[in-house]
């Protein structure tokens, strides 16, 4: 299974259905918190160093898969710090701002 296939699988599992690759994640029913959680799942499963903002700047399966398969999302280095998801909206917003720098 390629990394692009793994991304498709993770997104579709979260939604519980097959997703048109050009459909915007928000139009598909995901909200900001779901995208942040999905980001955590994708990066931990695939071992990528992908900023959480990529979920918003690459807002559909085709764009996100292209980002990952074109090598623009480097593998996370061993020992790279992973932060758990925050429990509040404030924590999530702070994480988005910090990762977007």
PDB file of N, CA and C in Angstrom:
ATOM      1  N   UNK A   1       0.858  -1.181   0.000  1.00  0.00           N
ATOM      2  CA  UNK A   1       0.000   0.000   0.000  1.00  0.00           C
ATOM      3  C   UNK A   1       0.904   1.245   0.000  1.00  0.00           C
ATOM      4  N   UNK A   2       0.630   2.152  -0.907  1.00  0.00           N
ATOM      5  CA  UNK A   2       1.411   3.387  -0.977  1.00  0.00           C
ATOM      6  C   UNK A   2       0.964   4.355   0.111  1.00  0.00           C
ATOM      7  N   UNK A   3       1.762   5.393   0.329  1.00  0.00           N
ATOM      8  CA  UNK A   3       1.373   6.410   1.309  1.00  0.00           C
ATOM      9  C   UNK A   3       0.084   7.101   0.885  1.00  0.00           C
ATOM     10  N   UNK A   4      -0.086   7.347  -0.412  1.00  0.00           N
ATOM     11  CA  UNK A   4      -1.313   7.982  -0.901  1.00  0.00           C
ATOM     12  C   UNK A   4      -2.522   7.093  -0.616  1.00  0.00           C
ATOM     13  N   UNK A   5      -2.374   5.781  -0.834  1.00  0.00           N
ATOM     14  CA  UNK A   5      -3.462   4.844  -0.538  1.00  0.00           C
ATOM     15  C   UNK A   5      -3.778   4.838   0.952  1.00  0.00           C
ATOM     16  N   UNK A   6      -2.741   4.927   1.778  1.00  0.00           N
ATOM     17  CA  UNK A   6      -2.938   4.942   3.229  1.00  0.00           C
ATOM     18  C   UNK A   6      -3.696   6.193   3.657  1.00  0.00           C
ATOM     19  N   UNK A   7      -3.386   7.341   3.047  1.00  0.00           N
ATOM     20  CA  UNK A   7      -4.100   8.578   3.367  1.00  0.00           C
ATOM     21  C   UNK A   7      -5.566   8.436   2.996  1.00  0.00           C
ATOM     22  N   UNK A   8      -5.836   7.926   1.793  1.00  0.00           N
ATOM     23  CA  UNK A   8      -7.222   7.725   1.354  1.00  0.00           C
ATOM     24  C   UNK A   8      -7.947   6.811   2.333  1.00  0.00           C
ATOM     25  N   UNK A   9      -7.311   5.729   2.720  1.00  0.00           N
ATOM     26  CA  UNK A   9      -7.918   4.779   3.648  1.00  0.00           C
ATOM     27  C   UNK A   9      -8.240   5.420   5.000  1.00  0.00           C
ATOM     28  N   UNK A  10      -7.308   6.205   5.536  1.00  0.00           N
ATOM     29  CA  UNK A  10      -7.533   6.858   6.836  1.00  0.00           C
ATOM     30  C   UNK A  10      -8.674   7.870   6.771  1.00  0.00           C
ATOM     31  N   UNK A  11      -8.716   8.653   5.700  1.00  0.00           N
ATOM     32  CA  UNK A  11      -9.783   9.660   5.562  1.00  0.00           C
ATOM     33  C   UNK A  11     -11.131   8.968   5.391  1.00  0.00           C
ATOM     34  N   UNK A  12     -11.185   7.977   4.528  1.00  0.00           N
ATOM     35  CA  UNK A  12     -12.457   7.295   4.276  1.00  0.00           C
ATOM     36  C   UNK A  12     -12.934   6.502   5.484  1.00  0.00           C
ATOM     37  N   UNK A  13     -12.002   5.964   6.258  1.00  0.00           N
ATOM     38  CA  UNK A  13     -12.397   5.259   7.482  1.00  0.00           C
ATOM     39  C   UNK A  13     -13.029   6.236   8.478  1.00  0.00           C
ATOM     40  N   UNK A  14     -12.446   7.432   8.570  1.00  0.00           N
ATOM     41  CA  UNK A  14     -12.998   8.444   9.478  1.00  0.00           C
ATOM     42  C   UNK A  14     -14.403   8.858   9.040  1.00  0.00           C
ATOM     43  N   UNK A  15     -14.591   9.016   7.726  1.00  0.00           N
ATOM     44  CA  UNK A  15     -15.893   9.423   7.204  1.00  0.00           C
ATOM     45  C   UNK A  15     -16.899   8.272   7.149  1.00  0.00           C
ATOM     46  N   UNK A  16     -16.380   7.056   7.042  1.00  0.00           N
ATOM     47  CA  UNK A  16     -17.266   5.902   6.949  1.00  0.00           C
ATOM     48  C   UNK A  16     -17.833   5.694   5.557  1.00  0.00           C
ATOM     49  N   UNK A  17     -17.170   6.279   4.551  1.00  0.00           N
ATOM     50  CA  UNK A  17     -17.631   6.126   3.165  1.00  0.00           C
ATOM     51  C   UNK A  17     -16.506   6.494   2.211  1.00  0.00           C
ATOM     52  N   UNK A  18     -16.710   6.112   0.953  1.00  0.00           N
ATOM     53  CA  UNK A  18     -15.758   6.459  -0.099  1.00  0.00           C
ATOM     54  C   UNK A  18     -15.900   7.945  -0.391  1.00  0.00           C
ATOM     55  N   UNK A  19     -14.774   8.600  -0.655  1.00  0.00           N
ATOM     56  CA  UNK A  19     -14.768  10.051  -0.862  1.00  0.00           C
ATOM     57  C   UNK A  19     -14.248  10.390  -2.247  1.00  0.00           C
ATOM     58  N   UNK A  20     -14.949  11.272  -2.936  1.00  0.00           N
ATOM     59  CA  UNK A  20     -14.483  11.804  -4.219  1.00  0.00           C
ATOM     60  C   UNK A  20     -13.160  12.515  -3.949  1.00  0.00           C
ATOM     61  N   UNK A  21     -12.101  12.216  -4.709  1.00  0.00           N
ATOM     62  CA  UNK A  21     -10.794  12.798  -4.414  1.00  0.00           C
ATOM     63  C   UNK A  21     -10.722  14.316  -4.562  1.00  0.00           C
ATOM     64  N   UNK A  22     -11.690  14.907  -5.260  1.00  0.00           N
ATOM     65  CA  UNK A  22     -11.676  16.358  -5.446  1.00  0.00           C
ATOM     66  C   UNK A  22     -12.646  17.093  -4.516  1.00  0.00           C
ATOM     67  N   UNK A  23     -13.377  16.352  -3.688  1.00  0.00           N
ATOM     68  CA  UNK A  23     -14.331  16.972  -2.769  1.00  0.00           C
ATOM     69  C   UNK A  23     -13.592  17.551  -1.567  1.00  0.00           C
ATOM     70  N   UNK A  24     -13.860  18.808  -1.275  1.00  0.00           N
ATOM     71  CA  UNK A  24     -13.261  19.498  -0.134  1.00  0.00           C
ATOM     72  C   UNK A  24     -13.620  18.752   1.153  1.00  0.00           C
ATOM     73  N   UNK A  25     -12.640  18.629   2.052  1.00  0.00           N
ATOM     74  CA  UNK A  25     -12.875  17.924   3.311  1.00  0.00           C
ATOM     75  C   UNK A  25     -14.058  18.507   4.081  1.00  0.00           C
ATOM     76  N   UNK A  26     -14.209  19.814   4.082  1.00  0.00           N
ATOM     77  CA  UNK A  26     -15.322  20.436   4.796  1.00  0.00           C
ATOM     78  C   UNK A  26     -16.652  20.072   4.150  1.00  0.00           C
ATOM     79  N   UNK A  27     -16.695  20.071   2.817  1.00  0.00           N
ATOM     80  CA  UNK A  27     -17.917  19.695   2.106  1.00  0.00           C
ATOM     81  C   UNK A  27     -18.255  18.225   2.327  1.00  0.00           C
ATOM     82  N   UNK A  28     -17.238  17.422   2.622  1.00  0.00           N
ATOM     83  CA  UNK A  28     -17.444  15.996   2.879  1.00  0.00           C
ATOM     84  C   UNK A  28     -17.980  15.737   4.287  1.00  0.00           C
ATOM     85  N   UNK A  29     -17.945  16.771   5.138  1.00  0.00           N
ATOM     86  CA  UNK A  29     -18.486  16.617   6.484  1.00  0.00           C
ATOM     87  C   UNK A  29     -17.466  16.679   7.605  1.00  0.00           C
ATOM     88  N   UNK A  30     -16.195  16.893   7.270  1.00  0.00           N
ATOM     89  CA  UNK A  30     -15.186  17.026   8.322  1.00  0.00           C
ATOM     90  C   UNK A  30     -15.119  18.473   8.789  1.00  0.00           C
ATOM     91  N   UNK A  31     -14.867  18.677  10.068  1.00  0.00           N
ATOM     92  CA  UNK A  31     -14.692  20.030  10.587  1.00  0.00           C
ATOM     93  C   UNK A  31     -13.222  20.212  10.977  1.00  0.00           C
ATOM     94  N   UNK A  32     -12.893  21.387  11.484  1.00  0.00           N
ATOM     95  CA  UNK A  32     -11.498  21.704  11.811  1.00  0.00           C
ATOM     96  C   UNK A  32     -10.899  20.727  12.814  1.00  0.00           C
ATOM     97  N   UNK A  33     -11.645  20.404  13.844  1.00  0.00           N
ATOM     98  CA  UNK A  33     -11.133  19.480  14.855  1.00  0.00           C
ATOM     99  C   UNK A  33     -10.893  18.098  14.253  1.00  0.00           C
ATOM    100  N   UNK A  34     -11.806  17.639  13.406  1.00  0.00           N
ATOM    101  CA  UNK A  34     -11.633  16.341  12.754  1.00  0.00           C
ATOM    102  C   UNK A  34     -10.388  16.344  11.866  1.00  0.00           C
ATOM    103  N   UNK A  35     -10.110  17.468  11.197  1.00  0.00           N
ATOM    104  CA  UNK A  35      -8.915  17.553  10.355  1.00  0.00           C
ATOM    105  C   UNK A  35      -7.642  17.523  11.196  1.00  0.00           C
ATOM    106  N   UNK A  36      -7.666  18.173  12.342  1.00  0.00           N
ATOM    107  CA  UNK A  36      -6.489  18.150  13.229  1.00  0.00           C
ATOM    108  C   UNK A  36      -6.270  16.726  13.751  1.00  0.00           C
ATOM    109  N   UNK A  37      -7.336  16.053  14.125  1.00  0.00           N
ATOM    110  CA  UNK A  37      -7.218  14.664  14.590  1.00  0.00           C
ATOM    111  C   UNK A  37      -6.746  13.753  13.460  1.00  0.00           C
ATOM    112  N   UNK A  38      -7.263  13.982  12.264  1.00  0.00           N
ATOM    113  CA  UNK A  38      -6.845  13.203  11.106  1.00  0.00           C
ATOM    114  C   UNK A  38      -5.367  13.442  10.791  1.00  0.00           C
ATOM    115  N   UNK A  39      -4.924  14.675  10.933  1.00  0.00           N
ATOM    116  CA  UNK A  39      -3.515  15.007  10.742  1.00  0.00           C
ATOM    117  C   UNK A  39      -2.649  14.183  11.685  1.00  0.00           C
ATOM    118  N   UNK A  40      -3.038  14.115  12.931  1.00  0.00           N
ATOM    119  CA  UNK A  40      -2.281  13.346  13.922  1.00  0.00           C
ATOM    120  C   UNK A  40      -2.218  11.876  13.527  1.00  0.00           C
ATOM    121  N   UNK A  41      -3.338  11.350  13.064  1.00  0.00           N
ATOM    122  CA  UNK A  41      -3.384   9.946  12.663  1.00  0.00           C
ATOM    123  C   UNK A  41      -2.507   9.695  11.431  1.00  0.00           C
ATOM    124  N   UNK A  42      -2.574  10.582  10.454  1.00  0.00           N
ATOM    125  CA  UNK A  42      -1.780  10.433   9.232  1.00  0.00           C
ATOM    126  C   UNK A  42      -0.284  10.523   9.540  1.00  0.00           C
ATOM    127  N   UNK A  43       0.108  11.534  10.309  1.00  0.00           N
ATOM    128  CA  UNK A  43       1.540  11.714  10.584  1.00  0.00           C
ATOM    129  C   UNK A  43       2.095  10.587  11.440  1.00  0.00           C
ATOM    130  N   UNK A  44       1.331  10.118  12.402  1.00  0.00           N
ATOM    131  CA  UNK A  44       1.834   9.035  13.247  1.00  0.00           C
ATOM    132  C   UNK A  44       1.842   7.703  12.500  1.00  0.00           C
ATOM    133  N   UNK A  45       0.839   7.453  11.683  1.00  0.00           N
ATOM    134  CA  UNK A  45       0.768   6.197  10.931  1.00  0.00           C
ATOM    135  C   UNK A  45       1.837   6.126   9.850  1.00  0.00           C
ATOM    136  N   UNK A  46       2.027   7.232   9.134  1.00  0.00           N
ATOM    137  CA  UNK A  46       2.964   7.244   8.008  1.00  0.00           C
ATOM    138  C   UNK A  46       4.359   7.733   8.391  1.00  0.00           C
ATOM    139  N   UNK A  47       4.514   8.252   9.608  1.00  0.00           N
ATOM    140  CA  UNK A  47       5.812   8.747  10.044  1.00  0.00           C
ATOM    141  C   UNK A  47       6.264   9.980   9.298  1.00  0.00           C
ATOM    142  N   UNK A  48       5.320  10.856   8.968  1.00  0.00           N
ATOM    143  CA  UNK A  48       5.639  12.076   8.222  1.00  0.00           C
ATOM    144  C   UNK A  48       5.740  13.283   9.134  1.00  0.00           C
ATOM    145  N   UNK A  49       6.543  14.237   8.717  1.00  0.00           N
ATOM    146  CA  UNK A  49       6.610  15.527   9.378  1.00  0.00           C
ATOM    147  C   UNK A  49       5.800  16.488   8.519  1.00  0.00           C
ATOM    148  N   UNK A  50       4.525  16.540   8.770  1.00  0.00           N
ATOM    149  CA  UNK A  50       3.580  17.309   7.970  1.00  0.00           C
ATOM    150  C   UNK A  50       2.934  18.352   8.871  1.00  0.00           C
ATOM    151  N   UNK A  51       3.042  19.629   8.533  1.00  0.00           N
ATOM    152  CA  UNK A  51       2.401  20.628   9.392  1.00  0.00           C
ATOM    153  C   UNK A  51       0.882  20.468   9.352  1.00  0.00           C
ATOM    154  N   UNK A  52       0.238  20.728  10.453  1.00  0.00           N
ATOM    155  CA  UNK A  52      -1.215  20.582  10.521  1.00  0.00           C
ATOM    156  C   UNK A  52      -1.904  21.504   9.515  1.00  0.00           C
ATOM    157  N   UNK A  53      -1.272  22.604   9.171  1.00  0.00           N
ATOM    158  CA  UNK A  53      -1.869  23.530   8.199  1.00  0.00           C
ATOM    159  C   UNK A  53      -2.005  22.904   6.819  1.00  0.00           C
ATOM    160  N   UNK A  54      -1.249  21.852   6.535  1.00  0.00           N
ATOM    161  CA  UNK A  54      -1.364  21.172   5.239  1.00  0.00           C
ATOM    162  C   UNK A  54      -2.759  20.602   5.034  1.00  0.00           C
ATOM    163  N   UNK A  55      -3.437  20.277   6.115  1.00  0.00           N
ATOM    164  CA  UNK A  55      -4.796  19.750   6.012  1.00  0.00           C
ATOM    165  C   UNK A  55      -5.761  20.813   5.490  1.00  0.00           C
ATOM    166  N   UNK A  56      -5.396  22.062   5.662  1.00  0.00           N
ATOM    167  CA  UNK A  56      -6.250  23.167   5.231  1.00  0.00           C
ATOM    168  C   UNK A  56      -5.791  23.749   3.895  1.00  0.00           C
ATOM    169  N   UNK A  57      -4.490  23.721   3.631  1.00  0.00           N
ATOM    170  CA  UNK A  57      -3.973  24.252   2.369  1.00  0.00           C
ATOM    171  C   UNK A  57      -4.041  23.217   1.243  1.00  0.00           C
ATOM    172  N   UNK A  58      -4.241  21.967   1.596  1.00  0.00           N
ATOM    173  CA  UNK A  58      -4.423  20.872   0.638  1.00  0.00           C
ATOM    174  C   UNK A  58      -5.748  20.197   1.030  1.00  0.00           C
ATOM    175  N   UNK A  59      -6.880  20.845   0.698  1.00  0.00           N
ATOM    176  CA  UNK A  59      -8.167  20.521   1.314  1.00  0.00           C
ATOM    177  C   UNK A  59      -8.965  19.377   0.709  1.00  0.00           C
ATOM    178  N   UNK A  60      -8.325  18.511  -0.068  1.00  0.00           N
ATOM    179  CA  UNK A  60      -9.035  17.339  -0.574  1.00  0.00           C
ATOM    180  C   UNK A  60      -8.036  16.195  -0.726  1.00  0.00           C
ATOM    181  N   UNK A  61      -8.549  15.007  -0.989  1.00  0.00           N
ATOM    182  CA  UNK A  61      -7.676  13.831  -1.065  1.00  0.00           C
ATOM    183  C   UNK A  61      -6.631  13.949  -2.170  1.00  0.00           C
ATOM    184  N   UNK A  62      -7.036  14.482  -3.310  1.00  0.00           N
ATOM    185  CA  UNK A  62      -6.088  14.582  -4.422  1.00  0.00           C
ATOM    186  C   UNK A  62      -4.909  15.491  -4.059  1.00  0.00           C
ATOM    187  N   UNK A  63      -5.207  16.665  -3.515  1.00  0.00           N
ATOM    188  CA  UNK A  63      -4.158  17.627  -3.166  1.00  0.00           C
ATOM    189  C   UNK A  63      -3.273  17.100  -2.036  1.00  0.00           C
ATOM    190  N   UNK A  64      -3.874  16.516  -1.015  1.00  0.00           N
ATOM    191  CA  UNK A  64      -3.093  16.003   0.114  1.00  0.00           C
ATOM    192  C   UNK A  64      -2.223  14.817  -0.313  1.00  0.00           C
ATOM    193  N   UNK A  65      -2.785  13.923  -1.099  1.00  0.00           N
ATOM    194  CA  UNK A  65      -2.010  12.779  -1.591  1.00  0.00           C
ATOM    195  C   UNK A  65      -0.856  13.243  -2.471  1.00  0.00           C
ATOM    196  N   UNK A  66      -1.107  14.251  -3.297  1.00  0.00           N
ATOM    197  CA  UNK A  66      -0.054  14.788  -4.163  1.00  0.00           C
ATOM    198  C   UNK A  66       1.079  15.373  -3.318  1.00  0.00           C
ATOM    199  N   UNK A  67       0.730  16.119  -2.288  1.00  0.00           N
ATOM    200  CA  UNK A  67       1.735  16.691  -1.394  1.00  0.00           C
ATOM    201  C   UNK A  67       2.619  15.591  -0.807  1.00  0.00           C
ATOM    202  N   UNK A  68       1.990  14.542  -0.352  1.00  0.00           N
ATOM    203  CA  UNK A  68       2.720  13.462   0.307  1.00  0.00           C
ATOM    204  C   UNK A  68       3.551  12.658  -0.688  1.00  0.00           C
ATOM    205  N   UNK A  69       3.001  12.332  -1.850  1.00  0.00           N
ATOM    206  CA  UNK A  69       3.720  11.487  -2.804  1.00  0.00           C
ATOM    207  C   UNK A  69       4.811  12.236  -3.557  1.00  0.00           C
ATOM    208  N   UNK A  70       4.746  13.549  -3.602  1.00  0.00           N
ATOM    209  CA  UNK A  70       5.775  14.323  -4.296  1.00  0.00           C
ATOM    210  C   UNK A  70       6.987  14.589  -3.413  1.00  0.00           C
ATOM    211  N   UNK A  71       6.984  14.004  -2.223  1.00  0.00           N
ATOM    212  CA  UNK A  71       8.139  14.123  -1.345  1.00  0.00           C
ATOM    213  C   UNK A  71       8.245  15.462  -0.644  1.00  0.00           C
ATOM    214  N   UNK A  72       7.157  16.223  -0.650  1.00  0.00           N
ATOM    215  CA  UNK A  72       7.181  17.522   0.008  1.00  0.00           C
ATOM    216  C   UNK A  72       6.873  17.400   1.500  1.00  0.00           C
ATOM    217  N   UNK A  73       6.495  16.224   1.923  1.00  0.00           N
ATOM    218  CA  UNK A  73       6.238  15.969   3.337  1.00  0.00           C
ATOM    219  C   UNK A  73       7.331  15.021   3.826  1.00  0.00           C
ATOM    220  N   UNK A  74       8.401  15.560   4.412  1.00  0.00           N
ATOM    221  CA  UNK A  74       9.535  14.719   4.802  1.00  0.00           C
ATOM    222  C   UNK A  74       9.185  13.767   5.939  1.00  0.00           C
ATOM    223  N   UNK A  75       9.913  12.676   5.971  1.00  0.00           N
ATOM    224  CA  UNK A  75       9.749  11.723   7.075  1.00  0.00           C
ATOM    225  C   UNK A  75      10.222  12.379   8.362  1.00  0.00           C
ATOM    226  N   UNK A  76       9.526  12.074   9.438  1.00  0.00           N
ATOM    227  CA  UNK A  76       9.886  12.623  10.743  1.00  0.00           C
ATOM    228  C   UNK A  76      11.185  11.975  11.194  1.00  0.00           C
ATOM    229  N   UNK A  77      12.052  12.763  11.762  1.00  0.00           N
ATOM    230  CA  UNK A  77      13.323  12.253  12.266  1.00  0.00           C
ATOM    231  C   UNK A  77      13.077  11.515  13.569  1.00  0.00           C
ATOM    232  N   UNK A  78      13.846  10.464  13.803  1.00  0.00           N
ATOM    233  CA  UNK A  78      13.741   9.775  15.088  1.00  0.00           C
ATOM    234  C   UNK A  78      13.998  10.776  16.200  1.00  0.00           C
ATOM    235  N   UNK A  79      13.223  10.720  17.210  1.00  0.00           N
ATOM    236  CA  UNK A  79      13.392  11.642  18.328  1.00  0.00           C
ATOM    237  C   UNK A  79      12.664  12.961  18.136  1.00  0.00           C
ATOM    238  N   UNK A  80      12.015  13.139  16.990  1.00  0.00           N
ATOM    239  CA  UNK A  80      11.254  14.372  16.793  1.00  0.00           C
ATOM    240  C   UNK A  80      10.108  14.395  17.793  1.00  0.00           C
ATOM    241  N   UNK A  81       9.872  15.546  18.340  1.00  0.00           N
ATOM    242  CA  UNK A  81       8.852  15.681  19.375  1.00  0.00           C
ATOM    243  C   UNK A  81       7.465  15.598  18.762  1.00  0.00           C
ATOM    244  N   UNK A  82       6.629  14.720  19.301  1.00  0.00           N
ATOM    245  CA  UNK A  82       5.234  14.630  18.901  1.00  0.00           C
ATOM    246  C   UNK A  82       4.403  15.079  20.078  1.00  0.00           C
ATOM    247  N   UNK A  83       3.477  15.985  19.789  1.00  0.00           N
ATOM    248  CA  UNK A  83       2.612  16.464  20.855  1.00  0.00           C
ATOM    249  C   UNK A  83       1.263  15.778  20.772  1.00  0.00           C
ATOM    250  N   UNK A  84       0.697  15.391  21.908  1.00  0.00           N
ATOM    251  CA  UNK A  84      -0.650  14.828  21.870  1.00  0.00           C
ATOM    252  C   UNK A  84      -1.647  15.930  21.520  1.00  0.00           C
ATOM    253  N   UNK A  85      -2.774  15.512  20.975  1.00  0.00           N
ATOM    254  CA  UNK A  85      -3.816  16.482  20.661  1.00  0.00           C
ATOM    255  C   UNK A  85      -4.313  17.130  21.940  1.00  0.00           C
ATOM    256  N   UNK A  86      -4.540  18.428  21.891  1.00  0.00           N
ATOM    257  CA  UNK A  86      -5.105  19.136  23.030  1.00  0.00           C
ATOM    258  C   UNK A  86      -6.571  18.809  23.170  1.00  0.00           C
ATOM    259  N   UNK A  87      -7.092  18.966  24.355  1.00  0.00           N
ATOM    260  CA  UNK A  87      -8.486  18.638  24.594  1.00  0.00           C
ATOM    261  C   UNK A  87      -9.447  19.777  24.335  1.00  0.00           C
ATOM    262  N   UNK A  88      -8.958  20.995  24.291  1.00  0.00           N
ATOM    263  CA  UNK A  88      -9.866  22.122  24.110  1.00  0.00           C
ATOM    264  C   UNK A  88      -9.633  22.789  22.765  1.00  0.00           C
ATOM    265  N   UNK A  89     -10.595  23.573  22.344  1.00  0.00           N
ATOM    266  CA  UNK A  89     -10.449  24.307  21.088  1.00  0.00           C
ATOM    267  C   UNK A  89      -9.264  25.260  21.157  1.00  0.00           C
ATOM    268  N   UNK A  90      -9.036  25.844  22.316  1.00  0.00           N
ATOM    269  CA  UNK A  90      -7.911  26.761  22.487  1.00  0.00           C
ATOM    270  C   UNK A  90      -6.587  26.033  22.226  1.00  0.00           C
ATOM    271  N   UNK A  91      -6.468  24.803  22.749  1.00  0.00           N
ATOM    272  CA  UNK A  91      -5.259  24.013  22.528  1.00  0.00           C
ATOM    273  C   UNK A  91      -5.071  23.709  21.042  1.00  0.00           C
ATOM    274  N   UNK A  92      -6.158  23.336  20.375  1.00  0.00           N
ATOM    275  CA  UNK A  92      -6.091  23.006  18.951  1.00  0.00           C
ATOM    276  C   UNK A  92      -5.714  24.233  18.135  1.00  0.00           C
ATOM    277  N   UNK A  93      -6.329  25.377  18.444  1.00  0.00           N
ATOM    278  CA  UNK A  93      -5.997  26.608  17.715  1.00  0.00           C
ATOM    279  C   UNK A  93      -4.538  27.007  17.925  1.00  0.00           C
ATOM    280  N   UNK A  94      -4.061  26.854  19.133  1.00  0.00           N
ATOM    281  CA  UNK A  94      -2.656  27.196  19.408  1.00  0.00           C
ATOM    282  C   UNK A  94      -1.733  26.274  18.617  1.00  0.00           C
ATOM    283  N   UNK A  95      -2.085  25.024  18.528  1.00  0.00           N
ATOM    284  CA  UNK A  95      -1.269  24.069  17.760  1.00  0.00           C
ATOM    285  C   UNK A  95      -1.261  24.423  16.282  1.00  0.00           C
ATOM    286  N   UNK A  96      -2.402  24.801  15.747  1.00  0.00           N
ATOM    287  CA  UNK A  96      -2.482  25.192  14.336  1.00  0.00           C
ATOM    288  C   UNK A  96      -1.613  26.410  14.087  1.00  0.00           C
ATOM    289  N   UNK A  97      -1.706  27.411  14.972  1.00  0.00           N
ATOM    290  CA  UNK A  97      -0.889  28.624  14.800  1.00  0.00           C
ATOM    291  C   UNK A  97       0.595  28.289  14.863  1.00  0.00           C
ATOM    292  N   UNK A  98       0.980  27.465  15.828  1.00  0.00           N
ATOM    293  CA  UNK A  98       2.389  27.127  16.009  1.00  0.00           C
ATOM    294  C   UNK A  98       2.921  26.319  14.824  1.00  0.00           C
ATOM    295  N   UNK A  99       2.162  25.334  14.344  1.00  0.00           N
ATOM    296  CA  UNK A  99       2.604  24.506  13.229  1.00  0.00           C
ATOM    297  C   UNK A  99       2.610  25.271  11.911  1.00  0.00           C
ATOM    298  N   UNK A 100       1.864  26.357  11.843  1.00  0.00           N
ATOM    299  CA  UNK A 100       1.779  27.137  10.609  1.00  0.00           C
ATOM    300  C   UNK A 100       2.923  28.096  10.407  1.00  0.00           C
ATOM    301  N   UNK A 101       3.809  28.230  11.361  1.00  0.00           N
ATOM    302  CA  UNK A 101       4.927  29.167  11.242  1.00  0.00           C
ATOM    303  C   UNK A 101       5.967  28.691  10.291  1.00  0.00           C
TER     304      UNK A 101
END
